[in-house]
Protein backbone atom coordinates (compact mmCIF):
# COMPACT_ATOMS: atom_id res chain seq x y z
CA MET A 1 68.47 94.81 -19.53
CA TRP A 2 70.78 96.44 -22.02
CA ALA A 3 73.60 98.18 -20.14
CA GLY A 4 76.55 98.41 -22.42
CA PHE A 5 74.54 97.90 -25.64
CA GLN A 6 74.00 100.54 -28.24
CA SER A 7 70.60 100.98 -29.94
CA LEU A 8 70.46 101.64 -33.63
CA THR A 9 68.15 101.51 -36.62
CA ILE A 10 68.70 100.86 -40.32
CA GLN A 11 66.44 101.18 -43.33
CA ARG A 12 66.11 98.43 -45.95
CA ASP A 13 63.75 99.06 -48.85
CA GLY A 14 61.75 101.46 -46.72
CA VAL A 15 61.52 99.16 -43.71
CA THR A 16 62.95 100.39 -40.43
CA LEU A 17 64.75 97.68 -38.46
CA PHE A 18 65.61 98.13 -34.77
CA ALA A 19 68.76 96.54 -33.44
CA ARG A 20 71.26 96.63 -30.58
CA GLN A 21 74.95 95.79 -30.44
CA GLY A 22 77.43 95.29 -27.65
CA GLY A 23 80.73 93.66 -26.84
CA PRO A 24 84.22 94.17 -28.10
CA SER A 25 84.61 94.85 -31.82
CA ASP A 26 88.20 93.69 -31.90
CA SER A 27 87.95 90.35 -30.05
CA GLY A 28 89.19 88.39 -33.05
CA ARG A 29 85.98 86.31 -32.88
CA PRO A 30 83.27 86.39 -35.58
CA PRO A 31 80.29 88.61 -34.53
CA LEU A 32 77.26 86.79 -33.46
CA LEU A 33 73.68 87.73 -34.55
CA LEU A 34 70.81 86.82 -32.29
CA LEU A 35 67.29 86.42 -33.71
CA HIS A 36 64.17 86.06 -31.58
CA GLY A 37 60.91 84.12 -31.90
CA HIS A 38 57.13 84.78 -31.84
CA PRO A 39 55.47 86.67 -30.22
CA GLN A 40 58.59 87.97 -28.54
CA THR A 41 61.35 90.58 -29.19
CA MET A 42 65.05 90.67 -28.70
CA ALA A 43 64.26 90.98 -25.01
CA MET A 44 64.14 87.13 -24.94
CA TRP A 45 67.95 87.15 -25.06
CA HIS A 46 68.46 89.32 -21.95
CA ARG A 47 69.93 86.44 -19.88
CA VAL A 48 72.26 85.35 -22.70
CA ALA A 49 73.37 88.35 -24.73
CA PRO A 50 75.21 90.24 -21.96
CA VAL A 51 77.33 87.17 -21.14
CA LEU A 52 78.10 86.46 -24.79
CA ALA A 53 79.06 90.12 -25.24
CA GLN A 54 81.86 89.76 -22.69
CA THR A 55 84.00 88.02 -25.26
CA ARG A 56 82.67 88.97 -28.73
CA ARG A 57 80.57 91.52 -30.62
CA VAL A 58 76.93 90.59 -30.28
CA VAL A 59 74.13 92.01 -32.52
CA LEU A 60 70.41 91.68 -31.80
CA MET A 61 67.61 92.55 -34.22
CA ASP A 62 63.85 92.81 -33.84
CA LEU A 63 62.49 90.94 -36.87
CA ARG A 64 60.20 92.99 -39.16
CA GLY A 65 56.73 92.87 -37.74
CA TYR A 66 57.96 92.40 -34.19
CA GLY A 67 59.42 94.42 -31.34
CA ASP A 68 60.42 97.97 -32.34
CA SER A 69 60.98 97.19 -36.04
CA ALA A 70 58.47 98.31 -38.63
CA ARG A 71 55.35 96.41 -39.70
CA PRO A 72 55.17 96.65 -43.49
CA PRO A 73 52.06 95.52 -45.36
CA ALA A 74 52.25 91.84 -46.11
CA GLY A 75 51.41 92.21 -49.80
CA GLU A 76 50.69 89.51 -52.34
CA ALA A 77 51.24 86.05 -50.86
CA SER A 78 52.51 87.72 -47.70
CA ALA A 79 55.83 88.07 -49.57
CA ALA A 80 56.97 90.92 -47.34
CA TYR A 81 57.29 88.38 -44.52
CA ALA A 82 58.91 85.59 -46.46
CA LYS A 83 61.88 84.22 -44.54
CA ARG A 84 63.94 85.12 -47.68
CA GLU A 85 63.02 88.72 -47.22
CA MET A 86 63.71 88.65 -43.49
CA ALA A 87 67.13 87.04 -44.19
CA LEU A 88 67.90 90.00 -46.46
CA ASP A 89 67.12 92.24 -43.47
CA ALA A 90 69.67 90.41 -41.40
CA THR A 91 72.44 90.60 -44.02
CA ALA A 92 71.70 94.30 -44.60
CA LEU A 93 72.01 95.02 -40.83
CA MET A 94 75.24 93.06 -40.47
CA GLN A 95 76.77 94.60 -43.58
CA SER A 96 75.79 98.06 -42.40
CA LEU A 97 77.89 97.36 -39.26
CA GLY A 98 80.82 96.14 -41.26
CA HIS A 99 80.25 92.43 -40.71
CA GLU A 100 80.51 90.52 -43.97
CA ARG A 101 80.77 87.15 -42.15
CA PHE A 102 79.05 86.29 -38.88
CA ALA A 103 77.58 83.47 -36.83
CA VAL A 104 73.90 83.17 -35.90
CA LEU A 105 72.05 82.01 -32.70
CA ALA A 106 68.28 82.01 -33.26
CA HIS A 107 65.04 80.72 -31.68
CA ASP A 108 61.61 79.84 -33.05
CA ARG A 109 60.66 82.21 -35.95
CA GLY A 110 64.10 83.70 -35.89
CA ALA A 111 65.57 80.25 -36.34
CA ARG A 112 63.44 79.87 -39.52
CA VAL A 113 64.90 83.14 -40.74
CA ALA A 114 68.35 81.84 -39.86
CA HIS A 115 67.76 78.62 -41.80
CA ARG A 116 66.87 80.65 -44.90
CA LEU A 117 69.84 82.98 -44.21
CA ALA A 118 72.27 80.11 -44.19
CA LEU A 119 70.85 78.68 -47.45
CA ASP A 120 70.60 81.99 -49.38
CA HIS A 121 73.81 83.60 -48.05
CA PRO A 122 76.32 80.83 -47.38
CA GLN A 123 79.21 83.26 -47.93
CA ALA A 124 77.98 85.35 -44.95
CA VAL A 125 77.08 82.75 -42.28
CA THR A 126 79.93 80.92 -40.62
CA ARG A 127 77.92 78.64 -38.38
CA LEU A 128 74.50 78.63 -36.72
CA MET A 129 72.74 77.32 -33.62
CA LEU A 130 68.96 76.91 -33.82
CA LEU A 131 66.69 76.54 -30.76
CA ASP A 132 63.56 74.43 -30.63
CA ILE A 133 62.53 74.05 -34.22
CA ALA A 134 62.57 71.46 -36.93
CA PRO A 135 62.61 72.55 -40.61
CA THR A 136 59.37 74.28 -41.55
CA LEU A 137 58.55 72.02 -44.53
CA ALA A 138 59.19 68.89 -42.47
CA MET A 139 56.92 70.10 -39.67
CA TYR A 140 54.06 70.88 -42.02
CA GLU A 141 54.45 67.62 -43.92
CA GLY A 142 54.65 65.71 -40.59
CA THR A 143 51.74 67.43 -38.86
CA THR A 144 49.75 65.21 -36.54
CA GLU A 145 46.70 65.81 -34.40
CA ALA A 146 48.85 66.17 -31.35
CA PHE A 147 51.01 68.85 -33.03
CA ALA A 148 47.99 70.71 -34.42
CA ARG A 149 46.36 70.88 -31.01
CA ALA A 150 49.59 72.10 -29.33
CA TYR A 151 50.57 74.53 -32.06
CA TRP A 152 47.04 75.75 -32.78
CA HIS A 153 48.41 79.22 -33.56
CA TRP A 154 50.12 77.88 -36.74
CA PHE A 155 46.69 77.11 -38.19
CA PHE A 156 44.78 80.03 -36.59
CA LEU A 157 47.14 82.76 -37.86
CA ILE A 158 47.04 81.58 -41.52
CA GLN A 159 43.21 81.86 -41.79
CA PRO A 160 42.08 84.50 -44.37
CA ALA A 161 42.17 88.09 -43.27
CA PRO A 162 40.76 89.75 -41.34
CA LEU A 163 39.54 87.04 -39.01
CA PRO A 164 42.67 86.32 -36.95
CA GLU A 165 43.77 89.96 -37.05
CA ARG A 166 40.35 91.11 -35.63
CA LEU A 167 40.45 88.55 -32.85
CA ILE A 168 44.00 89.40 -31.81
CA GLU A 169 43.37 93.14 -31.93
CA ALA A 170 40.36 92.74 -29.72
CA ASP A 171 42.68 91.81 -26.84
CA PRO A 172 46.36 91.52 -27.83
CA LEU A 173 47.47 90.98 -24.22
CA ALA A 174 45.14 88.01 -23.92
CA TYR A 175 46.62 86.56 -27.13
CA LEU A 176 50.09 86.92 -25.57
CA ARG A 177 49.05 85.44 -22.24
CA ASP A 178 47.09 82.53 -23.76
CA GLY A 179 49.72 81.80 -26.37
CA MET A 180 52.78 81.90 -24.15
CA GLY A 181 51.27 81.38 -20.72
CA ARG A 182 49.88 77.92 -21.49
CA ARG A 183 53.50 76.77 -22.00
CA GLY A 184 54.41 77.95 -18.54
CA GLY A 185 55.87 81.33 -17.73
CA ALA A 186 57.20 81.78 -14.25
CA PHE A 187 60.67 82.04 -15.77
CA PHE A 188 59.80 85.22 -17.75
CA ALA A 189 61.52 88.21 -16.22
CA PRO A 190 59.13 91.14 -15.55
CA GLU A 191 61.11 93.57 -17.71
CA ALA A 192 61.12 91.10 -20.65
CA TRP A 193 57.37 90.39 -20.25
CA ALA A 194 56.76 94.14 -20.21
CA ALA A 195 58.54 94.42 -23.55
CA TYR A 196 56.43 91.62 -25.00
CA GLU A 197 53.22 93.31 -23.81
CA ARG A 198 54.18 96.72 -25.13
CA CYS A 199 55.12 95.40 -28.54
CA ILE A 200 52.24 93.01 -29.10
CA ALA A 201 49.88 95.99 -28.58
CA ARG A 202 51.64 98.16 -31.23
CA PRO A 203 49.39 99.04 -34.18
CA GLY A 204 49.87 96.69 -37.08
CA THR A 205 51.33 93.84 -35.01
CA ALA A 206 48.41 91.46 -35.54
CA ALA A 207 48.57 91.86 -39.32
CA ALA A 208 52.34 91.47 -39.30
CA ILE A 209 52.24 88.24 -37.20
CA CYS A 210 49.58 86.80 -39.53
CA GLY A 211 51.73 87.81 -42.52
CA ASP A 212 54.68 85.97 -40.94
CA TYR A 213 52.75 82.75 -40.52
CA ARG A 214 50.91 82.95 -43.83
CA ALA A 215 54.28 83.28 -45.56
CA SER A 216 55.55 80.23 -43.65
CA ALA A 217 52.58 78.24 -44.85
CA GLY A 218 52.88 79.47 -48.43
CA ILE A 219 55.80 81.21 -50.11
CA ASP A 220 58.32 79.81 -47.59
CA LEU A 221 57.26 76.28 -48.39
CA ASP A 222 57.67 77.03 -52.11
CA HIS A 223 61.25 78.15 -51.44
CA ASP A 224 61.88 75.12 -49.21
CA ARG A 225 60.56 72.70 -51.82
CA ALA A 226 62.70 74.28 -54.47
CA ASP A 227 65.81 73.80 -52.36
CA ARG A 228 64.84 70.18 -51.59
CA ASP A 229 64.22 69.45 -55.28
CA ALA A 230 67.62 70.99 -56.15
CA GLY A 231 69.41 69.12 -53.37
CA ARG A 232 70.41 72.31 -51.58
CA ARG A 233 71.23 71.85 -47.95
CA VAL A 234 72.77 73.91 -45.15
CA THR A 235 76.53 73.46 -45.49
CA GLN A 236 77.69 75.44 -42.45
CA PRO A 237 78.19 73.69 -39.13
CA LEU A 238 74.79 73.53 -37.50
CA ARG A 239 73.95 72.87 -33.85
CA VAL A 240 70.33 72.25 -32.88
CA LEU A 241 68.90 72.23 -29.33
CA TRP A 242 65.29 71.55 -28.40
CA GLY A 243 63.30 71.38 -25.21
CA ALA A 244 62.75 67.87 -23.88
CA GLN A 245 59.42 69.10 -22.44
CA GLY A 246 58.53 71.08 -25.57
CA VAL A 247 56.15 70.32 -28.40
CA VAL A 248 58.82 70.03 -31.07
CA GLY A 249 60.71 67.32 -29.16
CA ARG A 250 57.45 65.43 -28.40
CA CYS A 251 56.00 65.50 -31.89
CA PHE A 252 59.07 65.28 -34.10
CA GLU A 253 62.61 63.91 -34.30
CA PRO A 254 64.46 67.20 -34.65
CA LEU A 255 67.98 65.83 -35.24
CA THR A 256 66.82 63.33 -37.85
CA LEU A 257 64.91 66.04 -39.73
CA TRP A 258 67.84 68.42 -39.61
CA GLN A 259 70.23 65.69 -40.86
CA ALA A 260 68.09 65.63 -44.00
CA ALA A 261 68.35 69.40 -44.38
CA ALA A 262 71.95 69.98 -43.46
CA VAL A 263 75.39 68.50 -44.18
CA ASN A 264 77.12 69.00 -40.87
CA VAL A 265 74.60 68.90 -37.96
CA SER A 266 74.67 67.86 -34.32
CA GLY A 267 72.23 68.45 -31.48
CA ARG A 268 70.47 67.23 -28.37
CA ALA A 269 67.46 67.74 -26.16
CA VAL A 270 67.70 70.14 -23.22
CA SER A 271 65.80 69.94 -19.96
CA SER A 272 63.49 72.79 -20.82
CA GLY A 273 60.27 73.78 -22.49
CA HIS A 274 60.10 75.92 -25.65
CA TYR A 275 61.84 79.05 -24.35
CA LEU A 276 65.36 77.76 -23.89
CA ALA A 277 67.14 81.12 -23.59
CA GLU A 278 64.85 82.09 -20.71
CA GLU A 279 64.25 78.71 -19.09
CA ALA A 280 67.74 77.30 -19.38
CA PRO A 281 70.14 80.19 -20.20
CA GLU A 282 73.08 78.46 -18.54
CA VAL A 283 72.73 75.51 -20.93
CA VAL A 284 72.37 77.83 -23.95
CA LEU A 285 75.51 79.76 -22.88
CA ALA A 286 77.54 76.64 -22.37
CA GLU A 287 76.52 75.22 -25.73
CA ALA A 288 77.10 78.58 -27.45
CA ALA A 289 80.62 78.88 -25.98
CA ALA A 290 81.56 75.31 -27.06
CA PHE A 291 80.08 75.64 -30.52
CA PHE A 292 80.86 79.22 -31.68
CA ASP A 293 84.41 79.26 -30.27
CA LYS A 294 85.27 76.58 -32.84
CA ASP A 295 85.44 79.44 -35.43
CA GLU A 296 88.59 80.80 -33.68
């Protein structure tokens, strides 16, 4: 999947982060950071990243707790998995590669990290495209029965330890299949699915995933409320896409919710389910070319 991409690791505060980079370093275009979702890895970008790397430097990172990055203990209030902490991972990675300013394309959990990244580090992020999410605070405050039934994992993973960890560790591949498979899955490439299976079974993954979601239902909401109370919004150009057949599009009005959280936002529904980069890569690529080339 990664011909032409270089593998690398960095350390931030004792946490090892795995990344890849590819594409020309002297294209004159801002580098592009790609962030994946749950319970996936950077492998979700395998149909998108090589094409993007034909014209610009592309950097992919496995979020802490996922893929081949480390799984640190969650700590008090799961603060190690706060999106603010994960955003610091992203800036550390990009700065280590010499990229002080960059654009971001992100999906699912990675898109929540990207949202925090844009708010906390506006000097670093030029523009961002987020796939199939609405703002975390808005989704929790707007939870309905239909959403809770469809996104059951949001409420399962935040239960007190060690209940969800024990159940996931009993059969991690079943968790992966049941969580992703019920949304469809014929579009997953075998090599990508093999990466998801390998990494979900790594020791510490269950605790890390739970830490991620507990942070989103706790410390991340505290940060989001503080921003809302202070009137802080995303100021960079923001493009949002969501699956017309996905839960987010059925249960929320993503563009309206993002308009409340960002100054300069546009977006639309795509004929897809949740996994846009794997279900509709040609649409994501066309949208990315039109949106990110505006930096030039």
